[in-house]
């Protein structure tokens, strides 16, 4: 997927710095060619739950932010994320004390 398309589909403004960040994230994401085709689909599915896929500001990874309202809805979204990860064999790292996950890459 083209870098500008990734930025657009994740609702980012296209700029030299955002392009560079996506390039770094792609380089750090194991098996990105497998991950990319499922990432945008997850982002679109999460929108209905006030959650999304984004670029991390701390690390060179995509992150999944669960910002669903209420404990029951947040648990539902966490389950959705876990099923997505298992189905597409994508390794996630949970951020301690947050409903946020880093997308590390494809589990081959």
PDB file of N, CA and C in Angstrom:
ATOM      1  N   UNK A   1       0.851  -1.169   0.000  1.00  0.00           N
ATOM      2  CA  UNK A   1       0.000   0.000   0.000  1.00  0.00           C
ATOM      3  C   UNK A   1       0.901   1.237   0.000  1.00  0.00           C
ATOM      4  N   UNK A   2       0.549   2.184  -0.749  1.00  0.00           N
ATOM      5  CA  UNK A   2       1.321   3.417  -0.857  1.00  0.00           C
ATOM      6  C   UNK A   2       1.231   4.203   0.457  1.00  0.00           C
ATOM      7  N   UNK A   3       2.305   4.854   0.843  1.00  0.00           N
ATOM      8  CA  UNK A   3       2.381   5.589   2.107  1.00  0.00           C
ATOM      9  C   UNK A   3       1.292   6.652   2.216  1.00  0.00           C
ATOM     10  N   UNK A   4       1.054   7.405   1.144  1.00  0.00           N
ATOM     11  CA  UNK A   4       0.007   8.427   1.188  1.00  0.00           C
ATOM     12  C   UNK A   4      -1.369   7.807   1.430  1.00  0.00           C
ATOM     13  N   UNK A   5      -1.604   6.641   0.864  1.00  0.00           N
ATOM     14  CA  UNK A   5      -2.887   5.964   1.059  1.00  0.00           C
ATOM     15  C   UNK A   5      -3.049   5.528   2.515  1.00  0.00           C
ATOM     16  N   UNK A   6      -1.984   5.037   3.120  1.00  0.00           N
ATOM     17  CA  UNK A   6      -2.038   4.647   4.530  1.00  0.00           C
ATOM     18  C   UNK A   6      -2.390   5.861   5.383  1.00  0.00           C
ATOM     19  N   UNK A   7      -1.692   6.960   5.156  1.00  0.00           N
ATOM     20  CA  UNK A   7      -1.954   8.181   5.926  1.00  0.00           C
ATOM     21  C   UNK A   7      -3.394   8.650   5.754  1.00  0.00           C
ATOM     22  N   UNK A   8      -3.873   8.659   4.535  1.00  0.00           N
ATOM     23  CA  UNK A   8      -5.236   9.107   4.251  1.00  0.00           C
ATOM     24  C   UNK A   8      -6.258   8.192   4.928  1.00  0.00           C
ATOM     25  N   UNK A   9      -6.065   6.890   4.807  1.00  0.00           N
ATOM     26  CA  UNK A   9      -7.033   5.958   5.372  1.00  0.00           C
ATOM     27  C   UNK A   9      -7.035   5.959   6.898  1.00  0.00           C
ATOM     28  N   UNK A  10      -5.920   6.383   7.497  1.00  0.00           N
ATOM     29  CA  UNK A  10      -5.869   6.497   8.956  1.00  0.00           C
ATOM     30  C   UNK A  10      -6.167   7.924   9.424  1.00  0.00           C
ATOM     31  N   UNK A  11      -6.632   8.757   8.503  1.00  0.00           N
ATOM     32  CA  UNK A  11      -7.070  10.129   8.809  1.00  0.00           C
ATOM     33  C   UNK A  11      -5.939  11.068   9.233  1.00  0.00           C
ATOM     34  N   UNK A  12      -4.760  10.878   8.646  1.00  0.00           N
ATOM     35  CA  UNK A  12      -3.628  11.779   8.895  1.00  0.00           C
ATOM     36  C   UNK A  12      -3.467  12.756   7.749  1.00  0.00           C
ATOM     37  N   UNK A  13      -2.881  13.900   8.042  1.00  0.00           N
ATOM     38  CA  UNK A  13      -2.503  14.865   7.023  1.00  0.00           C
ATOM     39  C   UNK A  13      -1.197  14.385   6.399  1.00  0.00           C
ATOM     40  N   UNK A  14      -1.117  14.467   5.084  1.00  0.00           N
ATOM     41  CA  UNK A  14       0.100  14.046   4.377  1.00  0.00           C
ATOM     42  C   UNK A  14       1.110  15.178   4.448  1.00  0.00           C
ATOM     43  N   UNK A  15       2.272  14.855   4.993  1.00  0.00           N
ATOM     44  CA  UNK A  15       3.364  15.820   5.102  1.00  0.00           C
ATOM     45  C   UNK A  15       4.673  15.053   5.033  1.00  0.00           C
ATOM     46  N   UNK A  16       5.780  15.749   4.794  1.00  0.00           N
ATOM     47  CA  UNK A  16       7.072  15.040   4.774  1.00  0.00           C
ATOM     48  C   UNK A  16       7.343  14.286   6.077  1.00  0.00           C
ATOM     49  N   UNK A  17       7.012  14.880   7.214  1.00  0.00           N
ATOM     50  CA  UNK A  17       7.291  14.205   8.490  1.00  0.00           C
ATOM     51  C   UNK A  17       6.384  12.996   8.703  1.00  0.00           C
ATOM     52  N   UNK A  18       5.111  13.085   8.296  1.00  0.00           N
ATOM     53  CA  UNK A  18       4.224  11.927   8.457  1.00  0.00           C
ATOM     54  C   UNK A  18       4.631  10.801   7.503  1.00  0.00           C
ATOM     55  N   UNK A  19       5.070  11.142   6.305  1.00  0.00           N
ATOM     56  CA  UNK A  19       5.574  10.116   5.374  1.00  0.00           C
ATOM     57  C   UNK A  19       6.796   9.417   5.959  1.00  0.00           C
ATOM     58  N   UNK A  20       7.715  10.194   6.523  1.00  0.00           N
ATOM     59  CA  UNK A  20       8.924   9.614   7.130  1.00  0.00           C
ATOM     60  C   UNK A  20       8.567   8.704   8.296  1.00  0.00           C
ATOM     61  N   UNK A  21       7.583   9.114   9.082  1.00  0.00           N
ATOM     62  CA  UNK A  21       7.172   8.288  10.214  1.00  0.00           C
ATOM     63  C   UNK A  21       6.598   6.961   9.729  1.00  0.00           C
ATOM     64  N   UNK A  22       5.768   6.990   8.706  1.00  0.00           N
ATOM     65  CA  UNK A  22       5.202   5.741   8.172  1.00  0.00           C
ATOM     66  C   UNK A  22       6.319   4.858   7.619  1.00  0.00           C
ATOM     67  N   UNK A  23       7.297   5.435   6.957  1.00  0.00           N
ATOM     68  CA  UNK A  23       8.415   4.645   6.441  1.00  0.00           C
ATOM     69  C   UNK A  23       9.153   3.945   7.585  1.00  0.00           C
ATOM     70  N   UNK A  24       9.369   4.649   8.697  1.00  0.00           N
ATOM     71  CA  UNK A  24      10.033   4.037   9.863  1.00  0.00           C
ATOM     72  C   UNK A  24       9.174   2.922  10.454  1.00  0.00           C
ATOM     73  N   UNK A  25       7.871   3.166  10.548  1.00  0.00           N
ATOM     74  CA  UNK A  25       6.958   2.171  11.104  1.00  0.00           C
ATOM     75  C   UNK A  25       6.954   0.917  10.232  1.00  0.00           C
ATOM     76  N   UNK A  26       6.885   1.089   8.928  1.00  0.00           N
ATOM     77  CA  UNK A  26       6.911  -0.059   8.016  1.00  0.00           C
ATOM     78  C   UNK A  26       8.197  -0.845   8.198  1.00  0.00           C
ATOM     79  N   UNK A  27       9.314  -0.158   8.318  1.00  0.00           N
ATOM     80  CA  UNK A  27      10.614  -0.824   8.494  1.00  0.00           C
ATOM     81  C   UNK A  27      10.673  -1.615   9.802  1.00  0.00           C
ATOM     82  N   UNK A  28       9.964  -1.172  10.833  1.00  0.00           N
ATOM     83  CA  UNK A  28       9.988  -1.841  12.131  1.00  0.00           C
ATOM     84  C   UNK A  28       8.899  -2.905  12.286  1.00  0.00           C
ATOM     85  N   UNK A  29       7.991  -2.998  11.337  1.00  0.00           N
ATOM     86  CA  UNK A  29       6.882  -3.946  11.434  1.00  0.00           C
ATOM     87  C   UNK A  29       7.230  -5.206  10.658  1.00  0.00           C
ATOM     88  N   UNK A  30       7.483  -6.287  11.376  1.00  0.00           N
ATOM     89  CA  UNK A  30       7.829  -7.565  10.770  1.00  0.00           C
ATOM     90  C   UNK A  30       6.715  -8.027   9.838  1.00  0.00           C
ATOM     91  N   UNK A  31       7.076  -8.371   8.605  1.00  0.00           N
ATOM     92  CA  UNK A  31       6.085  -8.874   7.656  1.00  0.00           C
ATOM     93  C   UNK A  31       5.007  -7.866   7.316  1.00  0.00           C
ATOM     94  N   UNK A  32       5.388  -6.606   7.182  1.00  0.00           N
ATOM     95  CA  UNK A  32       4.395  -5.554   6.951  1.00  0.00           C
ATOM     96  C   UNK A  32       3.503  -5.842   5.749  1.00  0.00           C
ATOM     97  N   UNK A  33       4.042  -6.464   4.727  1.00  0.00           N
ATOM     98  CA  UNK A  33       3.240  -6.748   3.530  1.00  0.00           C
ATOM     99  C   UNK A  33       2.032  -7.624   3.869  1.00  0.00           C
ATOM    100  N   UNK A  34       2.119  -8.439   4.916  1.00  0.00           N
ATOM    101  CA  UNK A  34       0.977  -9.242   5.363  1.00  0.00           C
ATOM    102  C   UNK A  34       0.051  -8.408   6.265  1.00  0.00           C
ATOM    103  N   UNK A  35       0.645  -7.605   7.133  1.00  0.00           N
ATOM    104  CA  UNK A  35      -0.110  -6.818   8.113  1.00  0.00           C
ATOM    105  C   UNK A  35      -0.939  -5.729   7.444  1.00  0.00           C
ATOM    106  N   UNK A  36      -0.362  -5.064   6.440  1.00  0.00           N
ATOM    107  CA  UNK A  36      -1.004  -3.879   5.870  1.00  0.00           C
ATOM    108  C   UNK A  36      -2.402  -4.130   5.342  1.00  0.00           C
ATOM    109  N   UNK A  37      -2.642  -5.280   4.748  1.00  0.00           N
ATOM    110  CA  UNK A  37      -3.953  -5.524   4.152  1.00  0.00           C
ATOM    111  C   UNK A  37      -5.058  -5.694   5.196  1.00  0.00           C
ATOM    112  N   UNK A  38      -4.679  -5.968   6.442  1.00  0.00           N
ATOM    113  CA  UNK A  38      -5.674  -6.163   7.499  1.00  0.00           C
ATOM    114  C   UNK A  38      -5.796  -4.959   8.431  1.00  0.00           C
ATOM    115  N   UNK A  39      -4.794  -4.108   8.442  1.00  0.00           N
ATOM    116  CA  UNK A  39      -4.742  -2.974   9.359  1.00  0.00           C
ATOM    117  C   UNK A  39      -5.861  -1.960   9.107  1.00  0.00           C
ATOM    118  N   UNK A  40      -6.074  -1.606   7.856  1.00  0.00           N
ATOM    119  CA  UNK A  40      -7.099  -0.613   7.515  1.00  0.00           C
ATOM    120  C   UNK A  40      -8.497  -1.174   7.776  1.00  0.00           C
ATOM    121  N   UNK A  41      -8.672  -2.462   7.503  1.00  0.00           N
ATOM    122  CA  UNK A  41      -9.963  -3.105   7.773  1.00  0.00           C
ATOM    123  C   UNK A  41     -10.277  -3.033   9.264  1.00  0.00           C
ATOM    124  N   UNK A  42      -9.267  -3.297  10.105  1.00  0.00           N
ATOM    125  CA  UNK A  42      -9.468  -3.190  11.550  1.00  0.00           C
ATOM    126  C   UNK A  42      -9.793  -1.746  11.935  1.00  0.00           C
ATOM    127  N   UNK A  43      -9.050  -0.808  11.391  1.00  0.00           N
ATOM    128  CA  UNK A  43      -9.289   0.609  11.687  1.00  0.00           C
ATOM    129  C   UNK A  43     -10.745   0.979  11.393  1.00  0.00           C
ATOM    130  N   UNK A  44     -11.233   0.575  10.243  1.00  0.00           N
ATOM    131  CA  UNK A  44     -12.614   0.883   9.862  1.00  0.00           C
ATOM    132  C   UNK A  44     -13.628   0.223  10.809  1.00  0.00           C
ATOM    133  N   UNK A  45     -13.353  -1.013  11.223  1.00  0.00           N
ATOM    134  CA  UNK A  45     -14.261  -1.722  12.135  1.00  0.00           C
ATOM    135  C   UNK A  45     -14.266  -1.085  13.524  1.00  0.00           C
ATOM    136  N   UNK A  46     -13.141  -0.564  13.946  1.00  0.00           N
ATOM    137  CA  UNK A  46     -13.034   0.022  15.282  1.00  0.00           C
ATOM    138  C   UNK A  46     -13.706   1.387  15.401  1.00  0.00           C
ATOM    139  N   UNK A  47     -13.820   2.102  14.292  1.00  0.00           N
ATOM    140  CA  UNK A  47     -14.404   3.450  14.323  1.00  0.00           C
ATOM    141  C   UNK A  47     -15.772   3.483  14.990  1.00  0.00           C
ATOM    142  N   UNK A  48     -16.582   2.477  14.759  1.00  0.00           N
ATOM    143  CA  UNK A  48     -17.927   2.429  15.336  1.00  0.00           C
ATOM    144  C   UNK A  48     -17.888   2.347  16.866  1.00  0.00           C
ATOM    145  N   UNK A  49     -16.735   1.977  17.410  1.00  0.00           N
ATOM    146  CA  UNK A  49     -16.568   1.827  18.856  1.00  0.00           C
ATOM    147  C   UNK A  49     -15.678   2.926  19.436  1.00  0.00           C
ATOM    148  N   UNK A  50     -15.524   4.020  18.691  1.00  0.00           N
ATOM    149  CA  UNK A  50     -14.686   5.150  19.127  1.00  0.00           C
ATOM    150  C   UNK A  50     -13.242   4.727  19.369  1.00  0.00           C
ATOM    151  N   UNK A  51     -12.767   3.767  18.589  1.00  0.00           N
ATOM    152  CA  UNK A  51     -11.401   3.257  18.686  1.00  0.00           C
ATOM    153  C   UNK A  51     -10.779   3.310  17.301  1.00  0.00           C
ATOM    154  N   UNK A  52      -9.470   3.115  17.210  1.00  0.00           N
ATOM    155  CA  UNK A  52      -8.823   3.330  15.926  1.00  0.00           C
ATOM    156  C   UNK A  52      -7.395   2.787  15.902  1.00  0.00           C
ATOM    157  N   UNK A  53      -6.829   2.724  14.688  1.00  0.00           N
ATOM    158  CA  UNK A  53      -5.417   2.429  14.463  1.00  0.00           C
ATOM    159  C   UNK A  53      -4.741   3.768  14.199  1.00  0.00           C
ATOM    160  N   UNK A  54      -3.555   3.954  14.772  1.00  0.00           N
ATOM    161  CA  UNK A  54      -2.837   5.219  14.623  1.00  0.00           C
ATOM    162  C   UNK A  54      -1.333   4.956  14.580  1.00  0.00           C
ATOM    163  N   UNK A  55      -0.598   6.025  14.358  1.00  0.00           N
ATOM    164  CA  UNK A  55       0.858   5.965  14.457  1.00  0.00           C
ATOM    165  C   UNK A  55       1.231   6.294  15.898  1.00  0.00           C
ATOM    166  N   UNK A  56       2.112   5.513  16.476  1.00  0.00           N
ATOM    167  CA  UNK A  56       2.548   5.783  17.842  1.00  0.00           C
ATOM    168  C   UNK A  56       3.451   7.014  17.865  1.00  0.00           C
ATOM    169  N   UNK A  57       3.308   7.811  18.896  1.00  0.00           N
ATOM    170  CA  UNK A  57       4.189   8.964  19.041  1.00  0.00           C
ATOM    171  C   UNK A  57       5.442   8.614  19.838  1.00  0.00           C
ATOM    172  N   UNK A  58       5.450   7.440  20.471  1.00  0.00           N
ATOM    173  CA  UNK A  58       6.592   7.028  21.297  1.00  0.00           C
ATOM    174  C   UNK A  58       7.524   6.047  20.601  1.00  0.00           C
ATOM    175  N   UNK A  59       6.946   5.156  19.799  1.00  0.00           N
ATOM    176  CA  UNK A  59       7.718   4.084  19.155  1.00  0.00           C
ATOM    177  C   UNK A  59       7.373   4.054  17.674  1.00  0.00           C
ATOM    178  N   UNK A  60       8.242   3.440  16.894  1.00  0.00           N
ATOM    179  CA  UNK A  60       7.992   3.326  15.451  1.00  0.00           C
ATOM    180  C   UNK A  60       7.126   2.112  15.144  1.00  0.00           C
ATOM    181  N   UNK A  61       5.890   2.173  15.589  1.00  0.00           N
ATOM    182  CA  UNK A  61       4.899   1.124  15.356  1.00  0.00           C
ATOM    183  C   UNK A  61       3.536   1.774  15.126  1.00  0.00           C
ATOM    184  N   UNK A  62       2.665   0.991  14.485  1.00  0.00           N
ATOM    185  CA  UNK A  62       1.259   1.354  14.493  1.00  0.00           C
ATOM    186  C   UNK A  62       0.751   0.972  15.869  1.00  0.00           C
ATOM    187  N   UNK A  63      -0.257   1.689  16.341  1.00  0.00           N
ATOM    188  CA  UNK A  63      -0.873   1.316  17.603  1.00  0.00           C
ATOM    189  C   UNK A  63      -2.373   1.222  17.409  1.00  0.00           C
ATOM    190  N   UNK A  64      -2.980   0.400  18.232  1.00  0.00           N
ATOM    191  CA  UNK A  64      -4.429   0.245  18.243  1.00  0.00           C
ATOM    192  C   UNK A  64      -4.905   0.839  19.554  1.00  0.00           C
ATOM    193  N   UNK A  65      -5.765   1.837  19.462  1.00  0.00           N
ATOM    194  CA  UNK A  65      -6.288   2.517  20.652  1.00  0.00           C
ATOM    195  C   UNK A  65      -7.745   2.123  20.865  1.00  0.00           C
ATOM    196  N   UNK A  66      -8.008   1.542  22.007  1.00  0.00           N
ATOM    197  CA  UNK A  66      -9.365   1.194  22.396  1.00  0.00           C
ATOM    198  C   UNK A  66      -9.874   2.307  23.297  1.00  0.00           C
ATOM    199  N   UNK A  67     -10.730   3.147  22.757  1.00  0.00           N
ATOM    200  CA  UNK A  67     -11.296   4.251  23.525  1.00  0.00           C
ATOM    201  C   UNK A  67     -12.808   4.109  23.677  1.00  0.00           C
ATOM    202  N   UNK A  68     -13.247   2.850  23.648  1.00  0.00           N
ATOM    203  CA  UNK A  68     -14.673   2.575  23.814  1.00  0.00           C
ATOM    204  C   UNK A  68     -15.131   3.056  25.182  1.00  0.00           C
ATOM    205  N   UNK A  69     -16.367   3.525  25.239  1.00  0.00           N
ATOM    206  CA  UNK A  69     -16.942   4.038  26.483  1.00  0.00           C
ATOM    207  C   UNK A  69     -17.576   2.899  27.275  1.00  0.00           C
ATOM    208  N   UNK A  70     -17.257   2.818  28.553  1.00  0.00           N
ATOM    209  CA  UNK A  70     -17.823   1.796  29.421  1.00  0.00           C
ATOM    210  C   UNK A  70     -17.013   0.518  29.407  1.00  0.00           C
ATOM    211  N   UNK A  71     -16.954  -0.125  30.559  1.00  0.00           N
ATOM    212  CA  UNK A  71     -16.134  -1.339  30.717  1.00  0.00           C
ATOM    213  C   UNK A  71     -16.586  -2.468  29.793  1.00  0.00           C
ATOM    214  N   UNK A  72     -17.891  -2.642  29.651  1.00  0.00           N
ATOM    215  CA  UNK A  72     -18.402  -3.728  28.811  1.00  0.00           C
ATOM    216  C   UNK A  72     -18.009  -3.523  27.343  1.00  0.00           C
ATOM    217  N   UNK A  73     -18.166  -2.303  26.847  1.00  0.00           N
ATOM    218  CA  UNK A  73     -17.814  -2.008  25.461  1.00  0.00           C
ATOM    219  C   UNK A  73     -16.300  -2.111  25.266  1.00  0.00           C
ATOM    220  N   UNK A  74     -15.524  -1.639  26.227  1.00  0.00           N
ATOM    221  CA  UNK A  74     -14.061  -1.731  26.129  1.00  0.00           C
ATOM    222  C   UNK A  74     -13.619  -3.200  26.072  1.00  0.00           C
ATOM    223  N   UNK A  75     -14.255  -4.049  26.886  1.00  0.00           N
ATOM    224  CA  UNK A  75     -13.940  -5.481  26.856  1.00  0.00           C
ATOM    225  C   UNK A  75     -14.286  -6.090  25.503  1.00  0.00           C
ATOM    226  N   UNK A  76     -15.418  -5.664  24.951  1.00  0.00           N
ATOM    227  CA  UNK A  76     -15.843  -6.144  23.633  1.00  0.00           C
ATOM    228  C   UNK A  76     -14.813  -5.769  22.557  1.00  0.00           C
ATOM    229  N   UNK A  77     -14.341  -4.536  22.602  1.00  0.00           N
ATOM    230  CA  UNK A  77     -13.349  -4.079  21.624  1.00  0.00           C
ATOM    231  C   UNK A  77     -12.027  -4.820  21.828  1.00  0.00           C
ATOM    232  N   UNK A  78     -11.612  -5.040  23.084  1.00  0.00           N
ATOM    233  CA  UNK A  78     -10.386  -5.804  23.333  1.00  0.00           C
ATOM    234  C   UNK A  78     -10.503  -7.215  22.764  1.00  0.00           C
ATOM    235  N   UNK A  79     -11.682  -7.803  22.896  1.00  0.00           N
ATOM    236  CA  UNK A  79     -11.913  -9.133  22.338  1.00  0.00           C
ATOM    237  C   UNK A  79     -11.845  -9.096  20.805  1.00  0.00           C
ATOM    238  N   UNK A  80     -12.419  -8.058  20.206  1.00  0.00           N
ATOM    239  CA  UNK A  80     -12.359  -7.883  18.751  1.00  0.00           C
ATOM    240  C   UNK A  80     -10.904  -7.787  18.280  1.00  0.00           C
ATOM    241  N   UNK A  81     -10.101  -7.027  19.007  1.00  0.00           N
ATOM    242  CA  UNK A  81      -8.680  -6.857  18.668  1.00  0.00           C
ATOM    243  C   UNK A  81      -7.947  -8.184  18.800  1.00  0.00           C
ATOM    244  N   UNK A  82      -8.216  -8.935  19.873  1.00  0.00           N
ATOM    245  CA  UNK A  82      -7.558 -10.229  20.095  1.00  0.00           C
ATOM    246  C   UNK A  82      -7.915 -11.224  18.991  1.00  0.00           C
ATOM    247  N   UNK A  83      -9.199 -11.260  18.613  1.00  0.00           N
ATOM    248  CA  UNK A  83      -9.627 -12.168  17.531  1.00  0.00           C
ATOM    249  C   UNK A  83      -8.960 -11.784  16.217  1.00  0.00           C
ATOM    250  N   UNK A  84      -8.861 -10.494  15.931  1.00  0.00           N
ATOM    251  CA  UNK A  84      -8.197 -10.010  14.716  1.00  0.00           C
ATOM    252  C   UNK A  84      -6.743 -10.454  14.711  1.00  0.00           C
ATOM    253  N   UNK A  85      -6.077 -10.272  15.840  1.00  0.00           N
ATOM    254  CA  UNK A  85      -4.667 -10.643  15.969  1.00  0.00           C
ATOM    255  C   UNK A  85      -4.464 -12.145  15.748  1.00  0.00           C
ATOM    256  N   UNK A  86      -5.320 -12.957  16.364  1.00  0.00           N
ATOM    257  CA  UNK A  86      -5.216 -14.413  16.210  1.00  0.00           C
ATOM    258  C   UNK A  86      -5.518 -14.846  14.775  1.00  0.00           C
ATOM    259  N   UNK A  87      -6.564 -14.304  14.206  1.00  0.00           N
ATOM    260  CA  UNK A  87      -6.989 -14.699  12.857  1.00  0.00           C
ATOM    261  C   UNK A  87      -5.908 -14.418  11.817  1.00  0.00           C
ATOM    262  N   UNK A  88      -5.266 -13.257  11.916  1.00  0.00           N
ATOM    263  CA  UNK A  88      -4.285 -12.878  10.902  1.00  0.00           C
ATOM    264  C   UNK A  88      -2.847 -13.084  11.352  1.00  0.00           C
ATOM    265  N   UNK A  89      -2.674 -13.729  12.520  1.00  0.00           N
ATOM    266  CA  UNK A  89      -1.338 -14.056  13.049  1.00  0.00           C
ATOM    267  C   UNK A  89      -0.465 -12.815  13.182  1.00  0.00           C
ATOM    268  N   UNK A  90      -1.014 -11.821  13.851  1.00  0.00           N
ATOM    269  CA  UNK A  90      -0.310 -10.556  14.035  1.00  0.00           C
ATOM    270  C   UNK A  90       0.050 -10.402  15.515  1.00  0.00           C
ATOM    271  N   UNK A  91       1.322 -10.154  15.770  1.00  0.00           N
ATOM    272  CA  UNK A  91       1.815  -9.995  17.135  1.00  0.00           C
ATOM    273  C   UNK A  91       1.534  -8.585  17.633  1.00  0.00           C
ATOM    274  N   UNK A  92       0.931  -8.521  18.815  1.00  0.00           N
ATOM    275  CA  UNK A  92       0.644  -7.240  19.453  1.00  0.00           C
ATOM    276  C   UNK A  92       1.397  -7.163  20.771  1.00  0.00           C
ATOM    277  N   UNK A  93       1.687  -5.948  21.196  1.00  0.00           N
ATOM    278  CA  UNK A  93       2.265  -5.718  22.523  1.00  0.00           C
ATOM    279  C   UNK A  93       1.323  -4.769  23.255  1.00  0.00           C
ATOM    280  N   UNK A  94       0.803  -5.226  24.389  1.00  0.00           N
ATOM    281  CA  UNK A  94      -0.114  -4.384  25.178  1.00  0.00           C
ATOM    282  C   UNK A  94       0.697  -3.338  25.937  1.00  0.00           C
ATOM    283  N   UNK A  95       0.240  -2.112  25.884  1.00  0.00           N
ATOM    284  CA  UNK A  95       0.855  -1.029  26.646  1.00  0.00           C
ATOM    285  C   UNK A  95       0.334  -1.144  28.085  1.00  0.00           C
ATOM    286  N   UNK A  96       1.233  -1.222  29.072  1.00  0.00           N
ATOM    287  CA  UNK A  96       0.785  -1.380  30.452  1.00  0.00           C
ATOM    288  C   UNK A  96      -0.169  -0.257  30.892  1.00  0.00           C
ATOM    289  N   UNK A  97      -1.224  -0.664  31.591  1.00  0.00           N
ATOM    290  CA  UNK A  97      -2.190   0.258  32.199  1.00  0.00           C
ATOM    291  C   UNK A  97      -2.992   1.080  31.183  1.00  0.00           C
ATOM    292  N   UNK A  98      -3.027   0.637  29.936  1.00  0.00           N
ATOM    293  CA  UNK A  98      -3.805   1.335  28.908  1.00  0.00           C
ATOM    294  C   UNK A  98      -4.492   0.317  28.012  1.00  0.00           C
ATOM    295  N   UNK A  99      -5.562   0.732  27.361  1.00  0.00           N
ATOM    296  CA  UNK A  99      -6.206  -0.102  26.343  1.00  0.00           C
ATOM    297  C   UNK A  99      -5.601   0.240  24.987  1.00  0.00           C
ATOM    298  N   UNK A 100      -4.288   0.056  24.901  1.00  0.00           N
ATOM    299  CA  UNK A 100      -3.540   0.367  23.692  1.00  0.00           C
ATOM    300  C   UNK A 100      -2.599  -0.789  23.383  1.00  0.00           C
ATOM    301  N   UNK A 101      -2.439  -1.076  22.095  1.00  0.00           N
ATOM    302  CA  UNK A 101      -1.583  -2.172  21.652  1.00  0.00           C
ATOM    303  C   UNK A 101      -0.681  -1.688  20.537  1.00  0.00           C
ATOM    304  N   UNK A 102       0.585  -2.100  20.577  1.00  0.00           N
ATOM    305  CA  UNK A 102       1.495  -1.848  19.457  1.00  0.00           C
ATOM    306  C   UNK A 102       1.394  -3.034  18.505  1.00  0.00           C
ATOM    307  N   UNK A 103       1.389  -2.749  17.200  1.00  0.00           N
ATOM    308  CA  UNK A 103       1.365  -3.790  16.177  1.00  0.00           C
ATOM    309  C   UNK A 103       2.818  -4.079  15.821  1.00  0.00           C
ATOM    310  N   UNK A 104       3.340  -5.227  16.289  1.00  0.00           N
ATOM    311  CA  UNK A 104       4.744  -5.567  16.087  1.00  0.00           C
ATOM    312  C   UNK A 104       5.001  -6.226  14.735  1.00  0.00           C
ATOM    313  N   UNK A 105       4.043  -7.025  14.270  1.00  0.00           N
ATOM    314  CA  UNK A 105       4.230  -7.627  12.964  1.00  0.00           C
ATOM    315  C   UNK A 105       3.564  -8.982  12.833  1.00  0.00           C
ATOM    316  N   UNK A 106       3.882  -9.636  11.755  1.00  0.00           N
ATOM    317  CA  UNK A 106       3.302 -10.921  11.370  1.00  0.00           C
ATOM    318  C   UNK A 106       4.043 -12.058  12.056  1.00  0.00           C
ATOM    319  N   UNK A 107       3.291 -12.987  12.663  1.00  0.00           N
ATOM    320  CA  UNK A 107       3.872 -14.200  13.266  1.00  0.00           C
ATOM    321  C   UNK A 107       3.941 -15.237  12.152  1.00  0.00           C
ATOM    322  N   UNK A 108       5.084 -15.456  11.600  1.00  0.00           N
ATOM    323  CA  UNK A 108       5.177 -16.447  10.504  1.00  0.00           C
ATOM    324  C   UNK A 108       5.195 -17.855  11.014  1.00  0.00           C
TER     325      UNK A 108
END
